[in-house]
Amino acid sequence: MICIVLAAGYATRLYPLTENFPKPLLRVKGKTILDWLLDDIDNTGLIDRYVIVSNHRFVAHFEAWAAQKKLSTKIDVLDDGSASNETRLGAVRDIQFAVDALGLEGDLFVIAGDNLLDFSLARFLAYGRQKSATYVMRYWEPSLDKLRKAGVAQVDTTDRILHMAEKPQTPAGHWCVPPFYVYRRQDVPLISKAIEDGCGVDAPGSLIAWLAGVTPIYAMEMPGKRYDIGDLDSYREVQQWFQKPTS
């Protein structure tokens, strides 16, 4: 399995912290956000290769990070060529860019590099042993305002996604899909077809919404809490939460 980290965004809501520095490399309790994610994932022993997709402005920061980072296998850092928020490729095109640039084959574990979790992703990766299909996570979100800013899925009793919409104005349910996805190798060729078909490319959930209409996609209920670092207030809140003593 190949882990692709989507890290080519510009995090404009975190300015001035991210005006000249990438959000995934901000520190929380002495470690970068990316370290928290990949140290956990690496402990599963299931990843054969890591790929960090950056933009041209921040790629040197990720190259310096990768040069000193010790994981169990290779880390590739890619520059998607974009230089501003206005010219970004978008998350879906960045996935396809990584596949094409490195000739990637096999299952892809795609994550956003700017989230923190209070649980291990080992359980999520183990979930795949039960399903021979692409799968994602889901969590219950009561807030209508937050639902309108996220991917919202409807699922059946087997966890299969019946329908998903990205940032719907009238959400059809309360299951949100965070940016953690396992694309099975048989579905990877569908990514380019989705782009050609007009799939939204900015939010990675748009690809799942498109795929759910053409192939089975499953959604595991998230076993803990996710911290989405979207602005300065949420970054401060995460820092405070991680400073709390564990019982």
C-alpha atoms as a PDB file:
ATOM      1  CA  MET A   1       0.000   0.000   0.000  1.00  0.00           C
ATOM      2  CA  ILE A   2       1.218   3.496  -0.899  1.00  0.00           C
ATOM      3  CA  CYS A   3       0.427   6.441   1.385  1.00  0.00           C
ATOM      4  CA  ILE A   4      -0.160   9.720  -0.451  1.00  0.00           C
ATOM      5  CA  VAL A   5      -0.218  12.849   1.698  1.00  0.00           C
ATOM      6  CA  LEU A   6      -2.065  15.803   0.176  1.00  0.00           C
ATOM      7  CA  ALA A   7      -0.028  18.818   1.269  1.00  0.00           C
ATOM      8  CA  ALA A   8      -0.195  21.262  -1.640  1.00  0.00           C
ATOM      9  CA  GLY A   9      -2.672  23.713  -0.126  1.00  0.00           C
ATOM     10  CA  TYR A  10      -1.870  27.263   0.939  1.00  0.00           C
ATOM     11  CA  ALA A  11      -3.835  27.466   4.231  1.00  0.00           C
ATOM     12  CA  THR A  12      -4.762  31.112   3.739  1.00  0.00           C
ATOM     13  CA  ARG A  13      -6.985  31.125   6.849  1.00  0.00           C
ATOM     14  CA  LEU A  14      -3.898  30.472   8.973  1.00  0.00           C
ATOM     15  CA  TYR A  15      -1.985  33.538   7.789  1.00  0.00           C
ATOM     16  CA  PRO A  16       0.484  34.829   8.912  1.00  0.00           C
ATOM     17  CA  LEU A  17       1.679  31.420  10.215  1.00  0.00           C
ATOM     18  CA  THR A  18       1.364  29.760   6.814  1.00  0.00           C
ATOM     19  CA  GLU A  19       2.102  32.648   4.501  1.00  0.00           C
ATOM     20  CA  ASN A  20       5.580  31.257   3.894  1.00  0.00           C
ATOM     21  CA  PHE A  21       5.349  27.888   5.629  1.00  0.00           C
ATOM     22  CA  PRO A  22       3.229  24.744   5.069  1.00  0.00           C
ATOM     23  CA  LYS A  23       0.468  23.885   7.523  1.00  0.00           C
ATOM     24  CA  PRO A  24       1.358  20.160   7.865  1.00  0.00           C
ATOM     25  CA  LEU A  25       4.749  21.142   9.307  1.00  0.00           C
ATOM     26  CA  LEU A  26       3.331  23.353  12.063  1.00  0.00           C
ATOM     27  CA  ARG A  27       4.168  21.926  15.475  1.00  0.00           C
ATOM     28  CA  VAL A  28       1.848  20.562  18.114  1.00  0.00           C
ATOM     29  CA  LYS A  29       3.391  19.403  21.373  1.00  0.00           C
ATOM     30  CA  GLY A  30       6.904  19.258  19.940  1.00  0.00           C
ATOM     31  CA  LYS A  31       6.031  17.362  16.738  1.00  0.00           C
ATOM     32  CA  THR A  32       4.808  18.465  13.351  1.00  0.00           C
ATOM     33  CA  ILE A  33       1.246  17.599  12.374  1.00  0.00           C
ATOM     34  CA  LEU A  34       2.712  15.386   9.656  1.00  0.00           C
ATOM     35  CA  ASP A  35       4.901  13.565  12.191  1.00  0.00           C
ATOM     36  CA  TRP A  36       1.874  12.744  14.343  1.00  0.00           C
ATOM     37  CA  LEU A  37       0.094  11.240  11.353  1.00  0.00           C
ATOM     38  CA  LEU A  38       2.924   9.321   9.721  1.00  0.00           C
ATOM     39  CA  ASP A  39       4.496   7.975  12.932  1.00  0.00           C
ATOM     40  CA  ASP A  40       1.155   6.346  13.701  1.00  0.00           C
ATOM     41  CA  ILE A  41       0.662   5.026  10.174  1.00  0.00           C
ATOM     42  CA  ASP A  42       4.220   3.704   9.988  1.00  0.00           C
ATOM     43  CA  ASN A  43       3.689   1.649  13.134  1.00  0.00           C
ATOM     44  CA  THR A  44       1.119  -0.462  11.257  1.00  0.00           C
ATOM     45  CA  GLY A  45       3.815  -1.906   9.016  1.00  0.00           C
ATOM     46  CA  LEU A  46       1.404  -1.787   6.060  1.00  0.00           C
ATOM     47  CA  ILE A  47       2.939   1.028   3.996  1.00  0.00           C
ATOM     48  CA  ASP A  48       5.452   0.311   1.228  1.00  0.00           C
ATOM     49  CA  ARG A  49       6.044   3.904   0.165  1.00  0.00           C
ATOM     50  CA  TYR A  50       5.201   7.445   1.240  1.00  0.00           C
ATOM     51  CA  VAL A  51       4.485  10.258  -1.216  1.00  0.00           C
ATOM     52  CA  ILE A  52       4.136  13.879  -0.104  1.00  0.00           C
ATOM     53  CA  VAL A  53       2.497  16.109  -2.739  1.00  0.00           C
ATOM     54  CA  SER A  54       3.478  19.733  -2.177  1.00  0.00           C
ATOM     55  CA  ASN A  55       3.298  22.928  -4.196  1.00  0.00           C
ATOM     56  CA  HIS A  56       6.257  24.813  -5.650  1.00  0.00           C
ATOM     57  CA  ARG A  57       6.290  27.439  -2.913  1.00  0.00           C
ATOM     58  CA  PHE A  58       6.612  24.964  -0.024  1.00  0.00           C
ATOM     59  CA  VAL A  59       8.345  21.951  -1.566  1.00  0.00           C
ATOM     60  CA  ALA A  60      11.757  22.849  -0.103  1.00  0.00           C
ATOM     61  CA  HIS A  61      10.292  22.716   3.429  1.00  0.00           C
ATOM     62  CA  PHE A  62       9.010  19.185   2.842  1.00  0.00           C
ATOM     63  CA  GLU A  63      12.273  18.087   1.245  1.00  0.00           C
ATOM     64  CA  ALA A  64      14.172  19.293   4.335  1.00  0.00           C
ATOM     65  CA  TRP A  65      11.672  17.494   6.584  1.00  0.00           C
ATOM     66  CA  ALA A  66      11.945  14.251   4.570  1.00  0.00           C
ATOM     67  CA  ALA A  67      15.745  14.370   4.602  1.00  0.00           C
ATOM     68  CA  GLN A  68      15.803  13.959   8.375  1.00  0.00           C
ATOM     69  CA  LYS A  69      12.619  11.916   8.855  1.00  0.00           C
ATOM     70  CA  LYS A  70      13.077   8.261   9.750  1.00  0.00           C
ATOM     71  CA  LEU A  71      10.270   6.006   8.550  1.00  0.00           C
ATOM     72  CA  SER A  72      10.371   2.322   7.664  1.00  0.00           C
ATOM     73  CA  THR A  73      10.350   2.950   3.931  1.00  0.00           C
ATOM     74  CA  LYS A  74      10.980   5.514   1.201  1.00  0.00           C
ATOM     75  CA  ILE A  75       9.574   9.057   1.236  1.00  0.00           C
ATOM     76  CA  ASP A  76       9.073  10.832  -2.095  1.00  0.00           C
ATOM     77  CA  VAL A  77       8.359  14.570  -2.137  1.00  0.00           C
ATOM     78  CA  LEU A  78       6.648  15.886  -5.271  1.00  0.00           C
ATOM     79  CA  ASP A  79       6.273  19.467  -6.504  1.00  0.00           C
ATOM     80  CA  ASP A  80       2.938  19.835  -8.324  1.00  0.00           C
ATOM     81  CA  GLY A  81       4.164  23.099  -9.909  1.00  0.00           C
ATOM     82  CA  SER A  82       1.545  25.451  -8.496  1.00  0.00           C
ATOM     83  CA  ALA A  83       2.758  28.682  -6.930  1.00  0.00           C
ATOM     84  CA  SER A  84      -0.351  30.334  -5.485  1.00  0.00           C
ATOM     85  CA  ASN A  85      -3.735  29.543  -3.999  1.00  0.00           C
ATOM     86  CA  GLU A  86      -5.360  30.800  -7.199  1.00  0.00           C
ATOM     87  CA  THR A  87      -3.365  28.428  -9.443  1.00  0.00           C
ATOM     88  CA  ARG A  88      -3.485  25.295  -7.233  1.00  0.00           C
ATOM     89  CA  LEU A  89      -4.258  22.016  -8.974  1.00  0.00           C
ATOM     90  CA  GLY A  90      -6.755  20.808  -6.385  1.00  0.00           C
ATOM     91  CA  ALA A  91      -6.636  17.651  -4.277  1.00  0.00           C
ATOM     92  CA  VAL A  92      -8.071  15.289  -6.889  1.00  0.00           C
ATOM     93  CA  ARG A  93      -5.645  16.416  -9.585  1.00  0.00           C
ATOM     94  CA  ASP A  94      -2.809  16.097  -7.061  1.00  0.00           C
ATOM     95  CA  ILE A  95      -3.693  12.431  -6.510  1.00  0.00           C
ATOM     96  CA  GLN A  96      -3.616  11.807 -10.255  1.00  0.00           C
ATOM     97  CA  PHE A  97      -0.392  13.831 -10.526  1.00  0.00           C
ATOM     98  CA  ALA A  98       1.302  11.531  -7.987  1.00  0.00           C
ATOM     99  CA  VAL A  99       0.062   8.401  -9.763  1.00  0.00           C
ATOM    100  CA  ASP A 100       1.344   9.641 -13.123  1.00  0.00           C
ATOM    101  CA  ALA A 101       4.626  11.157 -11.911  1.00  0.00           C
ATOM    102  CA  LEU A 102       5.754   8.015 -10.084  1.00  0.00           C
ATOM    103  CA  GLY A 103       3.873   5.359 -12.040  1.00  0.00           C
ATOM    104  CA  LEU A 104       2.174   4.240  -8.833  1.00  0.00           C
ATOM    105  CA  GLU A 105       0.483   0.850  -8.818  1.00  0.00           C
ATOM    106  CA  GLY A 106      -1.431  -0.805  -6.012  1.00  0.00           C
ATOM    107  CA  ASP A 107      -3.752   0.332  -3.234  1.00  0.00           C
ATOM    108  CA  LEU A 108      -3.517   4.015  -2.287  1.00  0.00           C
ATOM    109  CA  PHE A 109      -4.018   5.335   1.242  1.00  0.00           C
ATOM    110  CA  VAL A 110      -4.716   9.032   0.677  1.00  0.00           C
ATOM    111  CA  ILE A 111      -4.777  11.480   3.581  1.00  0.00           C
ATOM    112  CA  ALA A 112      -4.817  15.218   4.130  1.00  0.00           C
ATOM    113  CA  GLY A 113      -1.688  16.321   5.929  1.00  0.00           C
ATOM    114  CA  ASP A 114      -3.376  18.838   8.224  1.00  0.00           C
ATOM    115  CA  ASN A 115      -5.564  16.756  10.566  1.00  0.00           C
ATOM    116  CA  LEU A 116      -4.838  15.338  14.007  1.00  0.00           C
ATOM    117  CA  LEU A 117      -6.586  12.352  15.577  1.00  0.00           C
ATOM    118  CA  ASP A 118      -7.012  11.054  19.111  1.00  0.00           C
ATOM    119  CA  PHE A 119      -6.967   7.439  17.876  1.00  0.00           C
ATOM    120  CA  SER A 120      -4.711   5.265  15.748  1.00  0.00           C
ATOM    121  CA  LEU A 121      -5.366   4.751  12.061  1.00  0.00           C
ATOM    122  CA  ALA A 122      -4.420   1.085  12.489  1.00  0.00           C
ATOM    123  CA  ARG A 123      -8.073   0.182  13.004  1.00  0.00           C
ATOM    124  CA  PHE A 124      -9.059   1.988   9.825  1.00  0.00           C
ATOM    125  CA  LEU A 125      -6.448   0.152   7.780  1.00  0.00           C
ATOM    126  CA  ALA A 126      -7.480  -3.149   9.372  1.00  0.00           C
ATOM    127  CA  TYR A 127     -11.068  -2.466   8.266  1.00  0.00           C
ATOM    128  CA  GLY A 128      -9.917  -3.065   4.721  1.00  0.00           C
ATOM    129  CA  ARG A 129      -9.471  -6.765   5.432  1.00  0.00           C
ATOM    130  CA  GLN A 130     -13.268  -7.003   5.564  1.00  0.00           C
ATOM    131  CA  LYS A 131     -13.843  -5.152   2.296  1.00  0.00           C
ATOM    132  CA  SER A 132     -12.355  -5.710  -1.146  1.00  0.00           C
ATOM    133  CA  ALA A 133     -13.478  -2.245  -2.213  1.00  0.00           C
ATOM    134  CA  THR A 134     -12.454   1.385  -1.804  1.00  0.00           C
ATOM    135  CA  TYR A 135     -13.398   2.718   1.630  1.00  0.00           C
ATOM    136  CA  VAL A 136     -13.413   5.855   3.770  1.00  0.00           C
ATOM    137  CA  MET A 137     -14.257   6.983   7.306  1.00  0.00           C
ATOM    138  CA  ARG A 138     -17.413   8.669   8.525  1.00  0.00           C
ATOM    139  CA  TYR A 139     -18.473  10.483  11.686  1.00  0.00           C
ATOM    140  CA  TRP A 140     -21.778  11.879  12.936  1.00  0.00           C
ATOM    141  CA  GLU A 141     -22.018  15.660  12.663  1.00  0.00           C
ATOM    142  CA  PRO A 142     -25.064  17.376  14.232  1.00  0.00           C
ATOM    143  CA  SER A 143     -24.180  20.902  13.055  1.00  0.00           C
ATOM    144  CA  LEU A 144     -25.949  21.967   9.844  1.00  0.00           C
ATOM    145  CA  ASP A 145     -23.357  24.689   9.275  1.00  0.00           C
ATOM    146  CA  LYS A 146     -20.491  22.180   9.446  1.00  0.00           C
ATOM    147  CA  LEU A 147     -22.335  19.719   7.226  1.00  0.00           C
ATOM    148  CA  ARG A 148     -22.579  22.385   4.536  1.00  0.00           C
ATOM    149  CA  LYS A 149     -18.761  22.651   4.531  1.00  0.00           C
ATOM    150  CA  ALA A 150     -18.036  18.917   4.301  1.00  0.00           C
ATOM    151  CA  GLY A 151     -18.655  15.758   2.324  1.00  0.00           C
ATOM    152  CA  VAL A 152     -21.933  14.207   3.518  1.00  0.00           C
ATOM    153  CA  ALA A 153     -22.744  10.537   2.923  1.00  0.00           C
ATOM    154  CA  GLN A 154     -25.753   8.290   3.269  1.00  0.00           C
ATOM    155  CA  VAL A 155     -24.909   4.673   4.096  1.00  0.00           C
ATOM    156  CA  ASP A 156     -26.766   1.379   4.384  1.00  0.00           C
ATOM    157  CA  THR A 157     -26.503  -1.284   7.099  1.00  0.00           C
ATOM    158  CA  THR A 158     -23.426  -2.819   5.435  1.00  0.00           C
ATOM    159  CA  ASP A 159     -21.536   0.532   5.547  1.00  0.00           C
ATOM    160  CA  ARG A 160     -21.877   0.994   1.789  1.00  0.00           C
ATOM    161  CA  ILE A 161     -22.260   4.592   0.647  1.00  0.00           C
ATOM    162  CA  LEU A 162     -25.580   5.001  -1.124  1.00  0.00           C
ATOM    163  CA  HIS A 163     -25.015   8.653  -1.988  1.00  0.00           C
ATOM    164  CA  MET A 164     -22.515  11.368  -1.161  1.00  0.00           C
ATOM    165  CA  ALA A 165     -22.447  15.100  -1.822  1.00  0.00           C
ATOM    166  CA  GLU A 166     -19.610  17.558  -1.289  1.00  0.00           C
ATOM    167  CA  LYS A 167     -20.625  20.718   0.619  1.00  0.00           C
ATOM    168  CA  PRO A 168     -24.399  20.326   0.086  1.00  0.00           C
ATOM    169  CA  GLN A 169     -26.601  23.303   0.906  1.00  0.00           C
ATOM    170  CA  THR A 170     -29.342  20.884   1.976  1.00  0.00           C
ATOM    171  CA  PRO A 171     -27.559  17.910   3.607  1.00  0.00           C
ATOM    172  CA  ALA A 172     -29.409  14.601   3.246  1.00  0.00           C
ATOM    173  CA  GLY A 173     -27.924  13.174   6.442  1.00  0.00           C
ATOM    174  CA  HIS A 174     -25.395  13.650   9.222  1.00  0.00           C
ATOM    175  CA  TRP A 175     -22.503  11.362   8.221  1.00  0.00           C
ATOM    176  CA  CYS A 176     -19.434  13.454   7.389  1.00  0.00           C
ATOM    177  CA  VAL A 177     -16.502  11.966   5.477  1.00  0.00           C
ATOM    178  CA  PRO A 178     -13.082  13.232   6.673  1.00  0.00           C
ATOM    179  CA  PRO A 179     -10.007  13.183   4.374  1.00  0.00           C
ATOM    180  CA  PHE A 180      -8.821   9.596   4.938  1.00  0.00           C
ATOM    181  CA  TYR A 181      -9.393   7.278   1.982  1.00  0.00           C
ATOM    182  CA  VAL A 182      -8.187   3.873   0.778  1.00  0.00           C
ATOM    183  CA  TYR A 183      -8.504   3.512  -2.984  1.00  0.00           C
ATOM    184  CA  ARG A 184      -8.277  -0.100  -4.103  1.00  0.00           C
ATOM    185  CA  ARG A 185      -5.980  -0.692  -7.062  1.00  0.00           C
ATOM    186  CA  GLN A 186      -8.888  -1.614  -9.335  1.00  0.00           C
ATOM    187  CA  ASP A 187     -10.444   1.826  -8.742  1.00  0.00           C
ATOM    188  CA  VAL A 188      -7.303   3.941  -9.249  1.00  0.00           C
ATOM    189  CA  PRO A 189      -7.753   4.093 -13.065  1.00  0.00           C
ATOM    190  CA  LEU A 190     -11.179   5.637 -12.439  1.00  0.00           C
ATOM    191  CA  ILE A 191      -9.587   8.795 -11.002  1.00  0.00           C
ATOM    192  CA  SER A 192      -8.583  10.129 -14.418  1.00  0.00           C
ATOM    193  CA  LYS A 193     -12.040   9.243 -15.757  1.00  0.00           C
ATOM    194  CA  ALA A 194     -13.643  11.181 -12.886  1.00  0.00           C
ATOM    195  CA  ILE A 195     -11.592  14.272 -13.743  1.00  0.00           C
ATOM    196  CA  GLU A 196     -12.498  13.962 -17.430  1.00  0.00           C
ATOM    197  CA  ASP A 197     -16.142  13.571 -16.434  1.00  0.00           C
ATOM    198  CA  GLY A 198     -16.130  16.923 -14.619  1.00  0.00           C
ATOM    199  CA  CYS A 199     -15.685  15.731 -11.032  1.00  0.00           C
ATOM    200  CA  GLY A 200     -14.866  18.590  -8.659  1.00  0.00           C
ATOM    201  CA  VAL A 201     -11.100  18.648  -8.151  1.00  0.00           C
ATOM    202  CA  ASP A 202     -10.580  20.990  -5.211  1.00  0.00           C
ATOM    203  CA  ALA A 203     -12.015  18.889  -2.361  1.00  0.00           C
ATOM    204  CA  PRO A 204     -10.886  15.237  -2.210  1.00  0.00           C
ATOM    205  CA  GLY A 205     -14.374  14.198  -1.112  1.00  0.00           C
ATOM    206  CA  SER A 206     -15.668  15.122  -4.576  1.00  0.00           C
ATOM    207  CA  LEU A 207     -13.831  12.107  -5.966  1.00  0.00           C
ATOM    208  CA  ILE A 208     -15.485   9.765  -3.452  1.00  0.00           C
ATOM    209  CA  ALA A 209     -18.879  11.267  -4.315  1.00  0.00           C
ATOM    210  CA  TRP A 210     -18.250  10.536  -7.999  1.00  0.00           C
ATOM    211  CA  LEU A 211     -16.878   7.035  -7.387  1.00  0.00           C
ATOM    212  CA  ALA A 212     -19.840   6.072  -5.201  1.00  0.00           C
ATOM    213  CA  GLY A 213     -22.008   6.411  -8.285  1.00  0.00           C
ATOM    214  CA  VAL A 214     -20.001   3.902 -10.320  1.00  0.00           C
ATOM    215  CA  THR A 215     -18.454   1.396  -7.892  1.00  0.00           C
ATOM    216  CA  PRO A 216     -19.043   0.156  -4.312  1.00  0.00           C
ATOM    217  CA  ILE A 217     -17.546   2.453  -1.651  1.00  0.00           C
ATOM    218  CA  TYR A 218     -17.735   1.685   2.077  1.00  0.00           C
ATOM    219  CA  ALA A 219     -17.460   3.955   5.117  1.00  0.00           C
ATOM    220  CA  MET A 220     -16.185   2.862   8.536  1.00  0.00           C
ATOM    221  CA  GLU A 221     -17.473   4.792  11.538  1.00  0.00           C
ATOM    222  CA  MET A 222     -14.642   6.830  13.023  1.00  0.00           C
ATOM    223  CA  PRO A 223     -13.590   5.421  16.427  1.00  0.00           C
ATOM    224  CA  GLY A 224     -12.476   8.709  17.974  1.00  0.00           C
ATOM    225  CA  LYS A 225     -12.151  12.433  17.412  1.00  0.00           C
ATOM    226  CA  ARG A 226     -10.594  14.364  14.530  1.00  0.00           C
ATOM    227  CA  TYR A 227      -9.098  17.832  14.898  1.00  0.00           C
ATOM    228  CA  ASP A 228      -9.305  19.831  11.678  1.00  0.00           C
ATOM    229  CA  ILE A 229      -6.796  22.677  11.823  1.00  0.00           C
ATOM    230  CA  GLY A 230      -8.441  25.214   9.574  1.00  0.00           C
ATOM    231  CA  ASP A 231      -7.717  28.584  11.157  1.00  0.00           C
ATOM    232  CA  LEU A 232      -5.747  30.233  13.956  1.00  0.00           C
ATOM    233  CA  ASP A 233      -8.401  29.540  16.597  1.00  0.00           C
ATOM    234  CA  SER A 234      -8.575  25.820  15.785  1.00  0.00           C
ATOM    235  CA  TYR A 235      -4.761  25.596  15.827  1.00  0.00           C
ATOM    236  CA  ARG A 236      -4.696  27.119  19.319  1.00  0.00           C
ATOM    237  CA  GLU A 237      -7.450  24.743  20.467  1.00  0.00           C
ATOM    238  CA  VAL A 238      -5.536  21.708  19.218  1.00  0.00           C
ATOM    239  CA  GLN A 239      -2.375  22.852  20.971  1.00  0.00           C
ATOM    240  CA  GLN A 240      -4.305  23.240  24.221  1.00  0.00           C
ATOM    241  CA  TRP A 241      -5.960  19.829  23.843  1.00  0.00           C
ATOM    242  CA  PHE A 242      -2.657  18.056  23.224  1.00  0.00           C
ATOM    243  CA  GLN A 243      -1.160  19.696  26.318  1.00  0.00           C
ATOM    244  CA  LYS A 244      -3.784  18.092  28.556  1.00  0.00           C
ATOM    245  CA  PRO A 245      -2.426  15.285  30.754  1.00  0.00           C
ATOM    246  CA  THR A 246      -3.534  11.788  29.779  1.00  0.00           C
ATOM    247  CA  SER A 247      -5.175   9.651  32.482  1.00  0.00           C
END
